[in-house]
PDB file of all heavy atoms in Angstrom:
ATOM      1  N   PHE A   1       0.844  -1.198   0.000  1.00  0.00           N
ATOM      2  CA  PHE A   1       0.000   0.000   0.000  1.00  0.00           C
ATOM      3  C   PHE A   1       0.880   1.250   0.000  1.00  0.00           C
ATOM      4  O   PHE A   1       1.979   1.256   0.578  1.00  0.00           O
ATOM      5  CB  PHE A   1      -0.895   0.034   1.246  1.00  0.00           C
ATOM      6  CG  PHE A   1      -1.974  -1.004   1.261  1.00  0.00           C
ATOM      7  CD1 PHE A   1      -1.809  -2.189   1.974  1.00  0.00           C
ATOM      8  CD2 PHE A   1      -3.169  -0.809   0.574  1.00  0.00           C
ATOM      9  CE1 PHE A   1      -2.801  -3.151   1.996  1.00  0.00           C
ATOM     10  CE2 PHE A   1      -4.172  -1.764   0.591  1.00  0.00           C
ATOM     11  CZ  PHE A   1      -3.987  -2.945   1.301  1.00  0.00           C
ATOM     12  N   LEU A   2       0.370   2.304  -0.618  1.00  0.00           N
ATOM     13  CA  LEU A   2       0.997   3.620  -0.529  1.00  0.00           C
ATOM     14  C   LEU A   2       0.305   4.367   0.605  1.00  0.00           C
ATOM     15  O   LEU A   2      -0.923   4.484   0.615  1.00  0.00           O
ATOM     16  CB  LEU A   2       0.828   4.379  -1.845  1.00  0.00           C
ATOM     17  CG  LEU A   2       1.412   5.796  -1.899  1.00  0.00           C
ATOM     18  CD1 LEU A   2       2.924   5.759  -1.738  1.00  0.00           C
ATOM     19  CD2 LEU A   2       1.038   6.467  -3.221  1.00  0.00           C
ATOM     20  N   THR A   3       1.069   4.860   1.578  1.00  0.00           N
ATOM     21  CA  THR A   3       0.482   5.452   2.771  1.00  0.00           C
ATOM     22  C   THR A   3       0.832   6.922   2.908  1.00  0.00           C
ATOM     23  O   THR A   3       2.000   7.295   2.914  1.00  0.00           O
ATOM     24  CB  THR A   3       0.960   4.704   4.045  1.00  0.00           C
ATOM     25  OG1 THR A   3       0.723   3.314   3.887  1.00  0.00           O
ATOM     26  CG2 THR A   3       0.213   5.200   5.273  1.00  0.00           C
ATOM     27  N   ASP A   4      -0.197   7.767   3.001  1.00  0.00           N
ATOM     28  CA  ASP A   4      -0.017   9.173   3.365  1.00  0.00           C
ATOM     29  C   ASP A   4      -0.352   9.313   4.839  1.00  0.00           C
ATOM     30  O   ASP A   4      -1.226   8.609   5.361  1.00  0.00           O
ATOM     31  CB  ASP A   4      -0.939  10.072   2.538  1.00  0.00           C
ATOM     32  CG  ASP A   4      -0.483  10.196   1.091  1.00  0.00           C
ATOM     33  OD1 ASP A   4       0.681   9.841   0.805  1.00  0.00           O
ATOM     34  OD2 ASP A   4      -1.298  10.616   0.253  1.00  0.00           O
ATOM     35  N   ARG A   5       0.332  10.257   5.509  1.00  0.00           N
ATOM     36  CA  ARG A   5       0.156  10.391   6.954  1.00  0.00           C
ATOM     37  C   ARG A   5      -0.190  11.818   7.350  1.00  0.00           C
ATOM     38  O   ARG A   5       0.230  12.773   6.711  1.00  0.00           O
ATOM     39  CB  ARG A   5       1.438   9.955   7.683  1.00  0.00           C
ATOM     40  CG  ARG A   5       1.706   8.482   7.591  1.00  0.00           C
ATOM     41  CD  ARG A   5       3.093   8.090   8.036  1.00  0.00           C
ATOM     42  NE  ARG A   5       3.425   8.497   9.396  1.00  0.00           N
ATOM     43  CZ  ARG A   5       4.489   8.072  10.060  1.00  0.00           C
ATOM     44  NH1 ARG A   5       5.329   7.211   9.494  1.00  0.00           N
ATOM     45  NH2 ARG A   5       4.726   8.490  11.284  1.00  0.00           N
ATOM     46  N   ALA A   6      -0.969  11.924   8.416  1.00  0.00           N
ATOM     47  CA  ALA A   6      -1.257  13.216   9.038  1.00  0.00           C
ATOM     48  C   ALA A   6      -1.222  13.003  10.546  1.00  0.00           C
ATOM     49  O   ALA A   6      -1.691  11.981  11.054  1.00  0.00           O
ATOM     50  CB  ALA A   6      -2.617  13.737   8.607  1.00  0.00           C
ATOM     51  N   ALA A   7      -0.663  13.986  11.260  1.00  0.00           N
ATOM     52  CA  ALA A   7      -0.490  13.849  12.705  1.00  0.00           C
ATOM     53  C   ALA A   7      -1.522  14.636  13.503  1.00  0.00           C
ATOM     54  O   ALA A   7      -1.448  14.687  14.729  1.00  0.00           O
ATOM     55  CB  ALA A   7       0.924  14.284  13.103  1.00  0.00           C
ATOM     56  N   ASN A   8      -2.463  15.272  12.820  1.00  0.00           N
ATOM     57  CA  ASN A   8      -3.531  15.982  13.534  1.00  0.00           C
ATOM     58  C   ASN A   8      -4.791  15.958  12.674  1.00  0.00           C
ATOM     59  O   ASN A   8      -4.745  15.670  11.476  1.00  0.00           O
ATOM     60  CB  ASN A   8      -3.119  17.421  13.888  1.00  0.00           C
ATOM     61  CG  ASN A   8      -2.866  18.269  12.656  1.00  0.00           C
ATOM     62  OD1 ASN A   8      -3.797  18.677  11.971  1.00  0.00           O
ATOM     63  ND2 ASN A   8      -1.588  18.540  12.367  1.00  0.00           N
ATOM     64  N   GLY A   9      -5.916  16.267  13.308  1.00  0.00           N
ATOM     65  CA  GLY A   9      -7.194  16.158  12.630  1.00  0.00           C
ATOM     66  C   GLY A   9      -7.365  17.114  11.468  1.00  0.00           C
ATOM     67  O   GLY A   9      -7.929  16.752  10.430  1.00  0.00           O
ATOM     68  N   ARG A  10      -6.880  18.336  11.610  1.00  0.00           N
ATOM     69  CA  ARG A  10      -7.069  19.325  10.545  1.00  0.00           C
ATOM     70  C   ARG A  10      -6.330  18.929   9.272  1.00  0.00           C
ATOM     71  O   ARG A  10      -6.870  19.010   8.168  1.00  0.00           O
ATOM     72  CB  ARG A  10      -6.634  20.712  11.029  1.00  0.00           C
ATOM     73  CG  ARG A  10      -7.487  21.256  12.162  1.00  0.00           C
ATOM     74  CD  ARG A  10      -7.167  22.697  12.485  1.00  0.00           C
ATOM     75  NE  ARG A  10      -7.873  23.137  13.682  1.00  0.00           N
ATOM     76  CZ  ARG A  10      -9.149  23.475  13.718  1.00  0.00           C
ATOM     77  NH1 ARG A  10      -9.868  23.422  12.615  1.00  0.00           N
ATOM     78  NH2 ARG A  10      -9.723  23.857  14.846  1.00  0.00           N
ATOM     79  N   ASP A  11      -5.075  18.523   9.423  1.00  0.00           N
ATOM     80  CA  ASP A  11      -4.314  18.095   8.249  1.00  0.00           C
ATOM     81  C   ASP A  11      -4.925  16.836   7.640  1.00  0.00           C
ATOM     82  O   ASP A  11      -4.988  16.685   6.417  1.00  0.00           O
ATOM     83  CB  ASP A  11      -2.847  17.830   8.630  1.00  0.00           C
ATOM     84  CG  ASP A  11      -2.093  19.104   8.961  1.00  0.00           C
ATOM     85  OD1 ASP A  11      -2.606  20.199   8.641  1.00  0.00           O
ATOM     86  OD2 ASP A  11      -1.003  19.008   9.559  1.00  0.00           O
ATOM     87  N   GLY A  12      -5.384  15.935   8.515  1.00  0.00           N
ATOM     88  CA  GLY A  12      -6.004  14.706   8.032  1.00  0.00           C
ATOM     89  C   GLY A  12      -7.257  14.982   7.235  1.00  0.00           C
ATOM     90  O   GLY A  12      -7.476  14.387   6.165  1.00  0.00           O
ATOM     91  N   LEU A  13      -8.089  15.893   7.712  1.00  0.00           N
ATOM     92  CA  LEU A  13      -9.322  16.242   6.999  1.00  0.00           C
ATOM     93  C   LEU A  13      -8.999  16.858   5.638  1.00  0.00           C
ATOM     94  O   LEU A  13      -9.640  16.551   4.636  1.00  0.00           O
ATOM     95  CB  LEU A  13     -10.152  17.207   7.847  1.00  0.00           C
ATOM     96  CG  LEU A  13     -11.455  17.710   7.227  1.00  0.00           C
ATOM     97  CD1 LEU A  13     -12.383  16.551   6.893  1.00  0.00           C
ATOM     98  CD2 LEU A  13     -12.145  18.698   8.182  1.00  0.00           C
ATOM     99  N   PHE A  14      -7.986  17.719   5.606  1.00  0.00           N
ATOM    100  CA  PHE A  14      -7.587  18.358   4.341  1.00  0.00           C
ATOM    101  C   PHE A  14      -7.171  17.302   3.321  1.00  0.00           C
ATOM    102  O   PHE A  14      -7.593  17.346   2.156  1.00  0.00           O
ATOM    103  CB  PHE A  14      -6.442  19.336   4.595  1.00  0.00           C
ATOM    104  CG  PHE A  14      -5.888  19.959   3.335  1.00  0.00           C
ATOM    105  CD1 PHE A  14      -6.571  20.975   2.693  1.00  0.00           C
ATOM    106  CD2 PHE A  14      -4.698  19.504   2.785  1.00  0.00           C
ATOM    107  CE1 PHE A  14      -6.074  21.533   1.519  1.00  0.00           C
ATOM    108  CE2 PHE A  14      -4.199  20.061   1.620  1.00  0.00           C
ATOM    109  CZ  PHE A  14      -4.884  21.082   0.986  1.00  0.00           C
ATOM    110  N   LEU A  15      -6.353  16.333   3.746  1.00  0.00           N
ATOM    111  CA  LEU A  15      -5.907  15.287   2.824  1.00  0.00           C
ATOM    112  C   LEU A  15      -7.069  14.397   2.390  1.00  0.00           C
ATOM    113  O   LEU A  15      -7.164  14.001   1.226  1.00  0.00           O
ATOM    114  CB  LEU A  15      -4.823  14.425   3.489  1.00  0.00           C
ATOM    115  CG  LEU A  15      -3.459  15.089   3.703  1.00  0.00           C
ATOM    116  CD1 LEU A  15      -2.557  14.176   4.528  1.00  0.00           C
ATOM    117  CD2 LEU A  15      -2.807  15.391   2.360  1.00  0.00           C
ATOM    118  N   ALA A  16      -7.961  14.105   3.326  1.00  0.00           N
ATOM    119  CA  ALA A  16      -9.052  13.163   3.053  1.00  0.00           C
ATOM    120  C   ALA A  16     -10.031  13.664   2.005  1.00  0.00           C
ATOM    121  O   ALA A  16     -10.700  12.879   1.336  1.00  0.00           O
ATOM    122  CB  ALA A  16      -9.803  12.847   4.337  1.00  0.00           C
ATOM    123  N   THR A  17     -10.108  14.978   1.848  1.00  0.00           N
ATOM    124  CA  THR A  17     -11.111  15.536   0.939  1.00  0.00           C
ATOM    125  C   THR A  17     -10.771  15.359  -0.536  1.00  0.00           C
ATOM    126  O   THR A  17     -11.615  15.646  -1.385  1.00  0.00           O
ATOM    127  CB  THR A  17     -11.311  17.043   1.216  1.00  0.00           C
ATOM    128  OG1 THR A  17     -10.044  17.715   1.136  1.00  0.00           O
ATOM    129  CG2 THR A  17     -11.926  17.273   2.593  1.00  0.00           C
ATOM    130  N   ASP A  18      -9.573  14.863  -0.861  1.00  0.00           N
ATOM    131  CA  ASP A  18      -9.262  14.719  -2.290  1.00  0.00           C
ATOM    132  C   ASP A  18      -9.870  13.452  -2.889  1.00  0.00           C
ATOM    133  O   ASP A  18      -9.907  13.296  -4.104  1.00  0.00           O
ATOM    134  CB  ASP A  18      -7.757  14.804  -2.546  1.00  0.00           C
ATOM    135  CG  ASP A  18      -7.008  13.523  -2.189  1.00  0.00           C
ATOM    136  OD1 ASP A  18      -7.644  12.558  -1.730  1.00  0.00           O
ATOM    137  OD2 ASP A  18      -5.778  13.489  -2.382  1.00  0.00           O
ATOM    138  N   GLY A  19     -10.367  12.555  -2.036  1.00  0.00           N
ATOM    139  CA  GLY A  19     -11.142  11.411  -2.504  1.00  0.00           C
ATOM    140  C   GLY A  19     -10.373  10.324  -3.228  1.00  0.00           C
ATOM    141  O   GLY A  19     -10.973   9.471  -3.878  1.00  0.00           O
ATOM    142  N   THR A  20      -9.038  10.310  -3.139  1.00  0.00           N
ATOM    143  CA  THR A  20      -8.256   9.305  -3.876  1.00  0.00           C
ATOM    144  C   THR A  20      -7.887   8.085  -3.028  1.00  0.00           C
ATOM    145  O   THR A  20      -7.239   7.176  -3.521  1.00  0.00           O
ATOM    146  CB  THR A  20      -6.957   9.931  -4.410  1.00  0.00           C
ATOM    147  OG1 THR A  20      -6.148  10.373  -3.305  1.00  0.00           O
ATOM    148  CG2 THR A  20      -7.257  11.096  -5.334  1.00  0.00           C
ATOM    149  N   TYR A  21      -8.291   8.081  -1.763  1.00  0.00           N
ATOM    150  CA  TYR A  21      -7.892   6.991  -0.868  1.00  0.00           C
ATOM    151  C   TYR A  21      -8.919   5.860  -0.893  1.00  0.00           C
ATOM    152  O   TYR A  21     -10.130   6.091  -0.961  1.00  0.00           O
ATOM    153  CB  TYR A  21      -7.724   7.510   0.558  1.00  0.00           C
ATOM    154  CG  TYR A  21      -6.645   8.561   0.665  1.00  0.00           C
ATOM    155  CD1 TYR A  21      -6.965   9.920   0.696  1.00  0.00           C
ATOM    156  CD2 TYR A  21      -5.304   8.202   0.684  1.00  0.00           C
ATOM    157  CE1 TYR A  21      -5.970  10.885   0.758  1.00  0.00           C
ATOM    158  CE2 TYR A  21      -4.301   9.159   0.745  1.00  0.00           C
ATOM    159  CZ  TYR A  21      -4.643  10.500   0.784  1.00  0.00           C
ATOM    160  OH  TYR A  21      -3.659  11.452   0.838  1.00  0.00           O
ATOM    161  N   CYS A  22      -8.423   4.636  -0.811  1.00  0.00           N
ATOM    162  CA  CYS A  22      -9.327   3.489  -0.752  1.00  0.00           C
ATOM    163  C   CYS A  22      -9.771   3.213   0.676  1.00  0.00           C
ATOM    164  O   CYS A  22     -10.760   2.508   0.895  1.00  0.00           O
ATOM    165  CB  CYS A  22      -8.668   2.254  -1.354  1.00  0.00           C
ATOM    166  SG  CYS A  22      -7.174   1.698  -0.499  1.00  0.00           S
ATOM    167  N   CYS A  23      -9.059   3.793   1.662  1.00  0.00           N
ATOM    168  CA  CYS A  23      -9.414   3.597   3.062  1.00  0.00           C
ATOM    169  C   CYS A  23      -8.704   4.654   3.913  1.00  0.00           C
ATOM    170  O   CYS A  23      -7.594   5.081   3.585  1.00  0.00           O
ATOM    171  CB  CYS A  23      -9.014   2.195   3.527  1.00  0.00           C
ATOM    172  SG  CYS A  23      -9.454   1.811   5.249  1.00  0.00           S
ATOM    173  N   ILE A  24      -9.375   5.082   4.985  1.00  0.00           N
ATOM    174  CA  ILE A  24      -8.774   6.002   5.949  1.00  0.00           C
ATOM    175  C   ILE A  24      -8.712   5.309   7.301  1.00  0.00           C
ATOM    176  O   ILE A  24      -9.719   4.779   7.787  1.00  0.00           O
ATOM    177  CB  ILE A  24      -9.602   7.297   6.074  1.00  0.00           C
ATOM    178  CG1 ILE A  24      -9.647   8.046   4.748  1.00  0.00           C
ATOM    179  CG2 ILE A  24      -9.028   8.209   7.172  1.00  0.00           C
ATOM    180  CD1 ILE A  24     -10.641   9.201   4.723  1.00  0.00           C
ATOM    181  N   VAL A  25      -7.531   5.280   7.890  1.00  0.00           N
ATOM    182  CA  VAL A  25      -7.363   4.760   9.249  1.00  0.00           C
ATOM    183  C   VAL A  25      -7.264   5.977  10.162  1.00  0.00           C
ATOM    184  O   VAL A  25      -6.334   6.781  10.039  1.00  0.00           O
ATOM    185  CB  VAL A  25      -6.103   3.873   9.368  1.00  0.00           C
ATOM    186  CG1 VAL A  25      -5.935   3.370  10.796  1.00  0.00           C
ATOM    187  CG2 VAL A  25      -6.197   2.699   8.393  1.00  0.00           C
ATOM    188  N   LEU A  26      -8.220   6.117  11.060  1.00  0.00           N
ATOM    189  CA  LEU A  26      -8.414   7.367  11.797  1.00  0.00           C
ATOM    190  C   LEU A  26      -8.355   7.146  13.302  1.00  0.00           C
ATOM    191  O   LEU A  26      -9.192   6.434  13.872  1.00  0.00           O
ATOM    192  CB  LEU A  26      -9.777   7.962  11.413  1.00  0.00           C
ATOM    193  CG  LEU A  26     -10.258   9.210  12.140  1.00  0.00           C
ATOM    194  CD1 LEU A  26      -9.350  10.403  11.842  1.00  0.00           C
ATOM    195  CD2 LEU A  26     -11.696   9.530  11.737  1.00  0.00           C
ATOM    196  N   ASP A  27      -7.365   7.764  13.952  1.00  0.00           N
ATOM    197  CA  ASP A  27      -7.304   7.741  15.411  1.00  0.00           C
ATOM    198  C   ASP A  27      -8.443   8.600  15.958  1.00  0.00           C
ATOM    199  O   ASP A  27      -8.789   9.630  15.375  1.00  0.00           O
ATOM    200  CB  ASP A  27      -5.949   8.293  15.875  1.00  0.00           C
ATOM    201  CG  ASP A  27      -5.767   8.185  17.390  1.00  0.00           C
ATOM    202  OD1 ASP A  27      -6.413   7.316  18.012  1.00  0.00           O
ATOM    203  OD2 ASP A  27      -4.992   8.978  17.940  1.00  0.00           O
TER     204      ASP A  27
END
């Protein structure tokens, strides 16, 4: 798998909105 990472909720939300991920693992 190719993994992108975010260490806080705001950055994670920004990345998640591009819709290219097959799954989000969310703390």
